[in-house]
Amino acid sequence: MELAGKRVLITGASRGIGRSLAETFAGAGATVALVARDGAALRSLAEQLGGTAHPADLLDAEQLGGLMHRVEDEAGAVDVLVNNAGLAHDGPLWESTAEQIEAQVRLNLTVPLELCRQAVPRMLSRGGGHLVNVASLAAVASVPGMTAYAATKAGLAHGTAALRDELKGLPIGVTTVMVGGVPTDMLATGESYAPFHQAFDRLRKIQLVPDTAAADLARAVVKGVERSTRTVYLPRRAALFVAFVEAPRKLVHLALAGVQRRA
């Protein structure tokens, strides 16, 4: 997809990975529509990038339910949806509250699926679009203290693959982002839990999963949309991990050759 002149909606856009994504998509010529709870930070970034700010609490069912309609009413048609917003409460599962688990499941899994549900009919009516779901390598290999987070990211990765299969033959691209540690406030908070920190430190030292800079991730995602890449892996050596997980999906995909994807 040629991004110049396209509108890209990015959730969780006020800081961290989301901010880098916004800057990089804008640098590629896209107009960005930014969504996050922090309205002041969002408006400041939107002004810098020539985009639009749409403050919203995605954990609020009413705000989530009308989000695509609201953004397109305020800014115009969305060509690319980037589901980046995420939440982690690190530590043993049994020390989490029910509310913390529910918030992670909702923001990390329910929200991106719901926004894809809202976006697909709109994109089809206009002749095409692209969906990006930011998952995590935690979907295939977790570390201590990430049980709920890993579960939601595994669900998102698998759900995105299933959605891609359902959309086969239609003019909508789907990209899954599988990334390891990215130095952000979320990662720093996680590393305050000692077992989490020790696990990440071990993975870094043996260079199995070194950290990825947010700017590098953003550039890879933008390139993935431009090239309609199925999966963005970072670090690149992680491709082997994901390949093992993808093997059963690919086998089933081959077994279902000729079966209609949609009624």
C-alpha atoms as a PDB file:
ATOM      1  CA  MET A   1       0.000   0.000   0.000  1.00  0.00           C
ATOM      2  CA  GLU A   2       1.219   3.468  -0.878  1.00  0.00           C
ATOM      3  CA  LEU A   3       0.831   5.428   2.383  1.00  0.00           C
ATOM      4  CA  ALA A   4       0.999   8.950   0.995  1.00  0.00           C
ATOM      5  CA  GLY A   5      -2.439  10.483   1.404  1.00  0.00           C
ATOM      6  CA  LYS A   6      -3.786   7.552   3.447  1.00  0.00           C
ATOM      7  CA  ARG A   7      -5.277   7.917   6.937  1.00  0.00           C
ATOM      8  CA  VAL A   8      -3.881   5.638   9.663  1.00  0.00           C
ATOM      9  CA  LEU A   9      -5.710   5.189  12.970  1.00  0.00           C
ATOM     10  CA  ILE A  10      -3.346   4.232  15.811  1.00  0.00           C
ATOM     11  CA  THR A  11      -4.508   3.253  19.300  1.00  0.00           C
ATOM     12  CA  GLY A  12      -2.323   3.830  22.353  1.00  0.00           C
ATOM     13  CA  ALA A  13      -0.691   6.617  20.369  1.00  0.00           C
ATOM     14  CA  SER A  14       0.273   9.116  23.067  1.00  0.00           C
ATOM     15  CA  ARG A  15       3.564   7.495  24.140  1.00  0.00           C
ATOM     16  CA  GLY A  16       5.977   4.595  23.716  1.00  0.00           C
ATOM     17  CA  ILE A  17       5.478   2.347  20.705  1.00  0.00           C
ATOM     18  CA  GLY A  18       2.311   4.169  19.678  1.00  0.00           C
ATOM     19  CA  ARG A  19       4.063   7.518  19.511  1.00  0.00           C
ATOM     20  CA  SER A  20       6.876   6.057  17.400  1.00  0.00           C
ATOM     21  CA  LEU A  21       4.315   4.470  15.087  1.00  0.00           C
ATOM     22  CA  ALA A  22       2.529   7.803  14.696  1.00  0.00           C
ATOM     23  CA  GLU A  23       5.751   9.649  13.891  1.00  0.00           C
ATOM     24  CA  THR A  24       6.880   7.028  11.384  1.00  0.00           C
ATOM     25  CA  PHE A  25       3.556   6.710   9.559  1.00  0.00           C
ATOM     26  CA  ALA A  26       3.373  10.503   9.333  1.00  0.00           C
ATOM     27  CA  GLY A  27       6.939  10.518   8.004  1.00  0.00           C
ATOM     28  CA  ALA A  28       5.814   8.104   5.274  1.00  0.00           C
ATOM     29  CA  GLY A  29       3.210  10.602   4.110  1.00  0.00           C
ATOM     30  CA  ALA A  30       0.157   9.295   5.931  1.00  0.00           C
ATOM     31  CA  THR A  31      -2.286  11.386   7.927  1.00  0.00           C
ATOM     32  CA  VAL A  32      -2.526   9.958  11.425  1.00  0.00           C
ATOM     33  CA  ALA A  33      -5.654   9.711  13.580  1.00  0.00           C
ATOM     34  CA  LEU A  34      -4.496   9.204  17.148  1.00  0.00           C
ATOM     35  CA  VAL A  35      -6.405   7.461  19.941  1.00  0.00           C
ATOM     36  CA  ALA A  36      -5.458   7.281  23.638  1.00  0.00           C
ATOM     37  CA  ARG A  37      -6.802   8.362  27.015  1.00  0.00           C
ATOM     38  CA  ASP A  38      -4.363  11.258  27.527  1.00  0.00           C
ATOM     39  CA  GLY A  39      -6.091  13.987  25.568  1.00  0.00           C
ATOM     40  CA  ALA A  40      -3.481  16.693  26.179  1.00  0.00           C
ATOM     41  CA  ALA A  41      -0.553  14.548  25.038  1.00  0.00           C
ATOM     42  CA  LEU A  42      -2.579  13.281  22.088  1.00  0.00           C
ATOM     43  CA  ARG A  43      -3.520  16.754  20.876  1.00  0.00           C
ATOM     44  CA  SER A  44       0.076  17.953  21.210  1.00  0.00           C
ATOM     45  CA  LEU A  45       1.385  15.042  19.126  1.00  0.00           C
ATOM     46  CA  ALA A  46      -1.389  15.390  16.543  1.00  0.00           C
ATOM     47  CA  GLU A  47      -0.530  19.064  16.117  1.00  0.00           C
ATOM     48  CA  GLN A  48       3.160  18.227  15.616  1.00  0.00           C
ATOM     49  CA  LEU A  49       2.356  15.590  12.986  1.00  0.00           C
ATOM     50  CA  GLY A  50      -0.501  17.314  11.199  1.00  0.00           C
ATOM     51  CA  GLY A  51      -2.899  14.617  12.310  1.00  0.00           C
ATOM     52  CA  THR A  52      -6.049  14.441  14.415  1.00  0.00           C
ATOM     53  CA  ALA A  53      -6.585  13.573  18.084  1.00  0.00           C
ATOM     54  CA  HIS A  54      -9.472  11.418  19.289  1.00  0.00           C
ATOM     55  CA  PRO A  55      -9.224  10.939  23.079  1.00  0.00           C
ATOM     56  CA  ALA A  56     -10.999   7.794  24.231  1.00  0.00           C
ATOM     57  CA  ASP A  57     -10.963   5.261  27.044  1.00  0.00           C
ATOM     58  CA  LEU A  58     -10.998   1.966  25.179  1.00  0.00           C
ATOM     59  CA  LEU A  59     -11.982   0.119  28.355  1.00  0.00           C
ATOM     60  CA  ASP A  60     -15.309   1.962  28.231  1.00  0.00           C
ATOM     61  CA  ALA A  61     -17.740  -0.138  26.194  1.00  0.00           C
ATOM     62  CA  GLU A  62     -19.732   2.844  24.938  1.00  0.00           C
ATOM     63  CA  GLN A  63     -16.655   4.753  23.745  1.00  0.00           C
ATOM     64  CA  LEU A  64     -15.241   1.629  22.105  1.00  0.00           C
ATOM     65  CA  GLY A  65     -18.502   0.742  20.380  1.00  0.00           C
ATOM     66  CA  GLY A  66     -18.698   4.035  18.518  1.00  0.00           C
ATOM     67  CA  LEU A  67     -15.010   4.666  17.925  1.00  0.00           C
ATOM     68  CA  MET A  68     -14.668   3.981  14.183  1.00  0.00           C
ATOM     69  CA  HIS A  69     -17.821   5.968  13.447  1.00  0.00           C
ATOM     70  CA  ARG A  70     -16.582   8.859  15.580  1.00  0.00           C
ATOM     71  CA  VAL A  71     -13.084   8.956  14.079  1.00  0.00           C
ATOM     72  CA  GLU A  72     -14.345   8.770  10.504  1.00  0.00           C
ATOM     73  CA  ASP A  73     -16.983  11.396  11.239  1.00  0.00           C
ATOM     74  CA  GLU A  74     -14.367  13.740  12.716  1.00  0.00           C
ATOM     75  CA  ALA A  75     -11.398  13.019  10.448  1.00  0.00           C
ATOM     76  CA  GLY A  76     -12.460  11.044   7.387  1.00  0.00           C
ATOM     77  CA  ALA A  77     -12.148   7.481   6.122  1.00  0.00           C
ATOM     78  CA  VAL A  78      -9.579   5.230   7.818  1.00  0.00           C
ATOM     79  CA  ASP A  79      -7.400   3.258   5.410  1.00  0.00           C
ATOM     80  CA  VAL A  80      -5.149   1.544   7.981  1.00  0.00           C
ATOM     81  CA  LEU A  81      -6.060   0.459  11.509  1.00  0.00           C
ATOM     82  CA  VAL A  82      -3.158  -0.151  13.907  1.00  0.00           C
ATOM     83  CA  ASN A  83      -4.241  -1.851  17.142  1.00  0.00           C
ATOM     84  CA  ASN A  84      -1.321  -0.981  19.401  1.00  0.00           C
ATOM     85  CA  ALA A  85      -2.871  -0.130  22.781  1.00  0.00           C
ATOM     86  CA  GLY A  86      -1.936  -2.659  25.444  1.00  0.00           C
ATOM     87  CA  LEU A  87      -1.811  -3.237  29.173  1.00  0.00           C
ATOM     88  CA  ALA A  88       0.219  -5.456  31.501  1.00  0.00           C
ATOM     89  CA  HIS A  89      -0.075  -6.108  35.222  1.00  0.00           C
ATOM     90  CA  ASP A  90       3.057  -8.079  36.019  1.00  0.00           C
ATOM     91  CA  GLY A  91       3.410 -10.563  38.855  1.00  0.00           C
ATOM     92  CA  PRO A  92       1.939 -13.945  39.854  1.00  0.00           C
ATOM     93  CA  LEU A  93      -1.537 -14.500  38.451  1.00  0.00           C
ATOM     94  CA  TRP A  94      -2.970 -15.249  41.883  1.00  0.00           C
ATOM     95  CA  GLU A  95      -1.805 -11.877  43.187  1.00  0.00           C
ATOM     96  CA  SER A  96      -3.675 -10.029  40.448  1.00  0.00           C
ATOM     97  CA  THR A  97      -7.160  -8.711  41.069  1.00  0.00           C
ATOM     98  CA  ALA A  98     -10.090  -9.830  38.955  1.00  0.00           C
ATOM     99  CA  GLU A  99     -10.297  -6.265  37.661  1.00  0.00           C
ATOM    100  CA  GLN A 100      -6.647  -6.305  36.521  1.00  0.00           C
ATOM    101  CA  ILE A 101      -7.127  -9.549  34.605  1.00  0.00           C
ATOM    102  CA  GLU A 102     -10.347  -8.299  33.022  1.00  0.00           C
ATOM    103  CA  ALA A 103      -8.692  -5.024  31.942  1.00  0.00           C
ATOM    104  CA  GLN A 104      -5.832  -6.887  30.246  1.00  0.00           C
ATOM    105  CA  VAL A 105      -8.169  -9.259  28.426  1.00  0.00           C
ATOM    106  CA  ARG A 106     -10.350  -6.378  27.310  1.00  0.00           C
ATOM    107  CA  LEU A 107      -7.657  -3.960  26.121  1.00  0.00           C
ATOM    108  CA  ASN A 108      -5.223  -6.514  24.679  1.00  0.00           C
ATOM    109  CA  LEU A 109      -7.707  -8.850  23.001  1.00  0.00           C
ATOM    110  CA  THR A 110     -11.336  -7.688  22.971  1.00  0.00           C
ATOM    111  CA  VAL A 111     -10.579  -4.126  21.847  1.00  0.00           C
ATOM    112  CA  PRO A 112      -8.485  -4.995  18.758  1.00  0.00           C
ATOM    113  CA  LEU A 113     -10.958  -7.658  17.641  1.00  0.00           C
ATOM    114  CA  GLU A 114     -13.846  -5.240  18.085  1.00  0.00           C
ATOM    115  CA  LEU A 115     -12.110  -2.458  16.170  1.00  0.00           C
ATOM    116  CA  CYS A 116     -11.313  -4.893  13.356  1.00  0.00           C
ATOM    117  CA  ARG A 117     -14.998  -5.865  13.343  1.00  0.00           C
ATOM    118  CA  GLN A 118     -15.950  -2.211  13.000  1.00  0.00           C
ATOM    119  CA  ALA A 119     -13.297  -1.452  10.375  1.00  0.00           C
ATOM    120  CA  VAL A 120     -13.692  -4.331   7.911  1.00  0.00           C
ATOM    121  CA  PRO A 121     -17.147  -3.437   6.493  1.00  0.00           C
ATOM    122  CA  ARG A 122     -16.086   0.207   6.119  1.00  0.00           C
ATOM    123  CA  MET A 123     -12.888  -0.738   4.323  1.00  0.00           C
ATOM    124  CA  LEU A 124     -14.697  -3.167   2.028  1.00  0.00           C
ATOM    125  CA  SER A 125     -17.255  -0.500   1.091  1.00  0.00           C
ATOM    126  CA  ARG A 126     -14.372   1.727  -0.022  1.00  0.00           C
ATOM    127  CA  GLY A 127     -12.481  -0.979  -1.884  1.00  0.00           C
ATOM    128  CA  GLY A 128      -9.772  -1.958   0.593  1.00  0.00           C
ATOM    129  CA  GLY A 129      -7.632  -1.243   3.636  1.00  0.00           C
ATOM    130  CA  HIS A 130      -5.127  -2.747   6.028  1.00  0.00           C
ATOM    131  CA  LEU A 131      -5.294  -4.069   9.592  1.00  0.00           C
ATOM    132  CA  VAL A 132      -2.290  -4.260  11.944  1.00  0.00           C
ATOM    133  CA  ASN A 133      -2.467  -6.023  15.306  1.00  0.00           C
ATOM    134  CA  VAL A 134       0.510  -5.585  17.627  1.00  0.00           C
ATOM    135  CA  ALA A 135       0.925  -8.906  19.439  1.00  0.00           C
ATOM    136  CA  SER A 136       4.107 -10.046  21.216  1.00  0.00           C
ATOM    137  CA  LEU A 137       6.626 -12.858  21.393  1.00  0.00           C
ATOM    138  CA  ALA A 138       4.998 -13.502  24.771  1.00  0.00           C
ATOM    139  CA  ALA A 139       2.340 -15.207  22.653  1.00  0.00           C
ATOM    140  CA  VAL A 140       4.765 -18.066  21.965  1.00  0.00           C
ATOM    141  CA  ALA A 141       7.157 -17.946  24.956  1.00  0.00           C
ATOM    142  CA  SER A 142       6.309 -16.198  28.194  1.00  0.00           C
ATOM    143  CA  VAL A 143       8.474 -15.195  31.149  1.00  0.00           C
ATOM    144  CA  PRO A 144       7.544 -15.188  34.864  1.00  0.00           C
ATOM    145  CA  GLY A 145       4.872 -12.692  35.827  1.00  0.00           C
ATOM    146  CA  MET A 146       3.181 -12.462  32.429  1.00  0.00           C
ATOM    147  CA  THR A 147       0.490 -15.149  32.527  1.00  0.00           C
ATOM    148  CA  ALA A 148      -2.523 -12.965  31.702  1.00  0.00           C
ATOM    149  CA  TYR A 149      -0.577 -10.759  29.282  1.00  0.00           C
ATOM    150  CA  ALA A 150       0.839 -13.780  27.435  1.00  0.00           C
ATOM    151  CA  ALA A 151      -2.617 -15.345  27.213  1.00  0.00           C
ATOM    152  CA  THR A 152      -4.109 -12.214  25.647  1.00  0.00           C
ATOM    153  CA  LYS A 153      -1.278 -11.824  23.137  1.00  0.00           C
ATOM    154  CA  ALA A 154      -1.509 -15.488  22.143  1.00  0.00           C
ATOM    155  CA  GLY A 155      -5.221 -14.975  21.568  1.00  0.00           C
ATOM    156  CA  LEU A 156      -4.562 -11.866  19.495  1.00  0.00           C
ATOM    157  CA  ALA A 157      -1.892 -13.553  17.365  1.00  0.00           C
ATOM    158  CA  HIS A 158      -4.099 -16.572  16.683  1.00  0.00           C
ATOM    159  CA  GLY A 159      -7.192 -14.445  16.115  1.00  0.00           C
ATOM    160  CA  THR A 160      -5.343 -12.255  13.638  1.00  0.00           C
ATOM    161  CA  ALA A 161      -4.214 -15.318  11.684  1.00  0.00           C
ATOM    162  CA  ALA A 162      -7.803 -16.584  11.617  1.00  0.00           C
ATOM    163  CA  LEU A 163      -9.096 -13.207  10.471  1.00  0.00           C
ATOM    164  CA  ARG A 164      -6.510 -13.100   7.691  1.00  0.00           C
ATOM    165  CA  ASP A 165      -7.787 -16.473   6.492  1.00  0.00           C
ATOM    166  CA  GLU A 166     -11.409 -15.284   6.582  1.00  0.00           C
ATOM    167  CA  LEU A 167     -10.456 -12.231   4.518  1.00  0.00           C
ATOM    168  CA  LYS A 168      -8.606 -14.238   1.868  1.00  0.00           C
ATOM    169  CA  GLY A 169      -9.523 -12.968  -1.584  1.00  0.00           C
ATOM    170  CA  LEU A 170     -10.774  -9.629  -0.274  1.00  0.00           C
ATOM    171  CA  PRO A 171      -8.820  -6.362  -0.625  1.00  0.00           C
ATOM    172  CA  ILE A 172      -7.825  -6.022   3.017  1.00  0.00           C
ATOM    173  CA  GLY A 173      -4.285  -6.745   4.172  1.00  0.00           C
ATOM    174  CA  VAL A 174      -3.621  -8.120   7.658  1.00  0.00           C
ATOM    175  CA  THR A 175      -0.325  -7.835   9.513  1.00  0.00           C
ATOM    176  CA  THR A 176       0.569  -9.429  12.846  1.00  0.00           C
ATOM    177  CA  VAL A 177       3.425  -7.828  14.799  1.00  0.00           C
ATOM    178  CA  MET A 178       5.464 -10.256  16.911  1.00  0.00           C
ATOM    179  CA  VAL A 179       8.020  -8.343  18.971  1.00  0.00           C
ATOM    180  CA  GLY A 180      10.116  -8.973  22.065  1.00  0.00           C
ATOM    181  CA  GLY A 181      11.106  -6.396  24.644  1.00  0.00           C
ATOM    182  CA  VAL A 182      10.780  -2.759  23.632  1.00  0.00           C
ATOM    183  CA  PRO A 183      12.237  -0.205  26.089  1.00  0.00           C
ATOM    184  CA  THR A 184       9.097   1.648  27.184  1.00  0.00           C
ATOM    185  CA  ASP A 185       7.393   2.528  30.468  1.00  0.00           C
ATOM    186  CA  MET A 186       5.488  -0.765  30.273  1.00  0.00           C
ATOM    187  CA  LEU A 187       8.677  -2.819  30.069  1.00  0.00           C
ATOM    188  CA  ALA A 188      10.294  -0.805  32.862  1.00  0.00           C
ATOM    189  CA  THR A 189       7.280  -1.441  35.087  1.00  0.00           C
ATOM    190  CA  GLY A 190       7.433  -5.156  34.333  1.00  0.00           C
ATOM    191  CA  GLU A 191      11.109  -5.307  35.215  1.00  0.00           C
ATOM    192  CA  SER A 192      10.328  -4.014  38.687  1.00  0.00           C
ATOM    193  CA  TYR A 193       9.149  -7.603  39.335  1.00  0.00           C
ATOM    194  CA  ALA A 194      12.401  -9.453  40.041  1.00  0.00           C
ATOM    195  CA  PRO A 195      11.669 -12.786  38.250  1.00  0.00           C
ATOM    196  CA  PHE A 196      10.526 -10.867  35.168  1.00  0.00           C
ATOM    197  CA  HIS A 197      13.717  -8.785  35.210  1.00  0.00           C
ATOM    198  CA  GLN A 198      15.930 -11.846  35.684  1.00  0.00           C
ATOM    199  CA  ALA A 199      14.257 -13.642  32.765  1.00  0.00           C
ATOM    200  CA  PHE A 200      14.613 -10.699  30.402  1.00  0.00           C
ATOM    201  CA  ASP A 201      18.190 -10.122  31.520  1.00  0.00           C
ATOM    202  CA  ARG A 202      19.027 -13.763  30.727  1.00  0.00           C
ATOM    203  CA  LEU A 203      17.441 -13.536  27.263  1.00  0.00           C
ATOM    204  CA  ARG A 204      19.415 -10.371  26.541  1.00  0.00           C
ATOM    205  CA  LYS A 205      22.726 -11.791  27.720  1.00  0.00           C
ATOM    206  CA  ILE A 206      22.468 -14.884  25.542  1.00  0.00           C
ATOM    207  CA  GLN A 207      21.197 -12.710  22.669  1.00  0.00           C
ATOM    208  CA  LEU A 208      18.162 -14.916  22.194  1.00  0.00           C
ATOM    209  CA  VAL A 209      15.715 -12.009  22.375  1.00  0.00           C
ATOM    210  CA  PRO A 210      17.571  -8.685  22.530  1.00  0.00           C
ATOM    211  CA  ASP A 211      15.561  -5.507  22.995  1.00  0.00           C
ATOM    212  CA  THR A 212      14.101  -3.717  19.976  1.00  0.00           C
ATOM    213  CA  ALA A 213      14.036   0.080  19.858  1.00  0.00           C
ATOM    214  CA  ALA A 214      10.565   1.551  19.376  1.00  0.00           C
ATOM    215  CA  ALA A 215      11.757   3.485  16.330  1.00  0.00           C
ATOM    216  CA  ASP A 216      13.073   0.286  14.698  1.00  0.00           C
ATOM    217  CA  LEU A 217       9.776  -1.465  15.373  1.00  0.00           C
ATOM    218  CA  ALA A 218       7.809   1.439  13.909  1.00  0.00           C
ATOM    219  CA  ARG A 219       9.880   1.430  10.720  1.00  0.00           C
ATOM    220  CA  ALA A 220       9.354  -2.325  10.348  1.00  0.00           C
ATOM    221  CA  VAL A 221       5.584  -1.963  10.807  1.00  0.00           C
ATOM    222  CA  VAL A 222       5.336   0.829   8.249  1.00  0.00           C
ATOM    223  CA  LYS A 223       7.344  -1.247   5.782  1.00  0.00           C
ATOM    224  CA  GLY A 224       5.079  -4.216   6.557  1.00  0.00           C
ATOM    225  CA  VAL A 225       1.981  -2.209   5.634  1.00  0.00           C
ATOM    226  CA  GLU A 226       3.608  -0.877   2.470  1.00  0.00           C
ATOM    227  CA  ARG A 227       4.514  -4.413   1.404  1.00  0.00           C
ATOM    228  CA  SER A 228       1.397  -6.098   2.829  1.00  0.00           C
ATOM    229  CA  THR A 229       3.586  -8.362   4.982  1.00  0.00           C
ATOM    230  CA  ARG A 230       1.739 -11.084   6.886  1.00  0.00           C
ATOM    231  CA  THR A 231       3.965 -11.018   9.973  1.00  0.00           C
ATOM    232  CA  VAL A 232       6.564  -8.563  11.254  1.00  0.00           C
ATOM    233  CA  TYR A 233       9.131 -10.290  13.495  1.00  0.00           C
ATOM    234  CA  LEU A 234      11.501  -8.366  15.764  1.00  0.00           C
ATOM    235  CA  PRO A 235      14.163  -9.228  16.557  1.00  0.00           C
ATOM    236  CA  ARG A 236      14.534 -11.012  13.210  1.00  0.00           C
ATOM    237  CA  ARG A 237      15.871 -14.157  14.863  1.00  0.00           C
ATOM    238  CA  ALA A 238      12.420 -14.571  16.412  1.00  0.00           C
ATOM    239  CA  ALA A 239      11.079 -15.693  13.041  1.00  0.00           C
ATOM    240  CA  LEU A 240      12.082 -19.263  13.903  1.00  0.00           C
ATOM    241  CA  PHE A 241       9.990 -19.209  17.116  1.00  0.00           C
ATOM    242  CA  VAL A 242       6.946 -17.991  15.253  1.00  0.00           C
ATOM    243  CA  ALA A 243       7.466 -20.520  12.453  1.00  0.00           C
ATOM    244  CA  PHE A 244       7.019 -23.382  14.939  1.00  0.00           C
ATOM    245  CA  VAL A 245       3.723 -21.914  16.107  1.00  0.00           C
ATOM    246  CA  GLU A 246       2.575 -21.201  12.564  1.00  0.00           C
ATOM    247  CA  ALA A 247       3.218 -24.775  11.389  1.00  0.00           C
ATOM    248  CA  PRO A 248      -0.111 -26.263  12.597  1.00  0.00           C
ATOM    249  CA  ARG A 249      -2.002 -23.261  11.199  1.00  0.00           C
ATOM    250  CA  LYS A 250      -0.362 -23.710   7.806  1.00  0.00           C
ATOM    251  CA  LEU A 251      -1.090 -27.440   7.829  1.00  0.00           C
ATOM    252  CA  VAL A 252      -4.782 -26.821   8.515  1.00  0.00           C
ATOM    253  CA  HIS A 253      -4.802 -24.077   5.884  1.00  0.00           C
ATOM    254  CA  LEU A 254      -3.543 -26.585   3.296  1.00  0.00           C
ATOM    255  CA  ALA A 255      -6.036 -29.206   4.465  1.00  0.00           C
ATOM    256  CA  LEU A 256      -8.904 -26.738   3.965  1.00  0.00           C
ATOM    257  CA  ALA A 257      -7.911 -25.765   0.420  1.00  0.00           C
ATOM    258  CA  GLY A 258     -11.074 -25.210  -1.596  1.00  0.00           C
ATOM    259  CA  VAL A 259     -13.305 -24.749   1.452  1.00  0.00           C
ATOM    260  CA  GLN A 260     -15.127 -21.419   1.251  1.00  0.00           C
ATOM    261  CA  ARG A 261     -13.968 -18.803   3.770  1.00  0.00           C
ATOM    262  CA  ARG A 262     -17.227 -16.895   3.991  1.00  0.00           C
ATOM    263  CA  ALA A 263     -20.914 -17.676   3.557  1.00  0.00           C
END
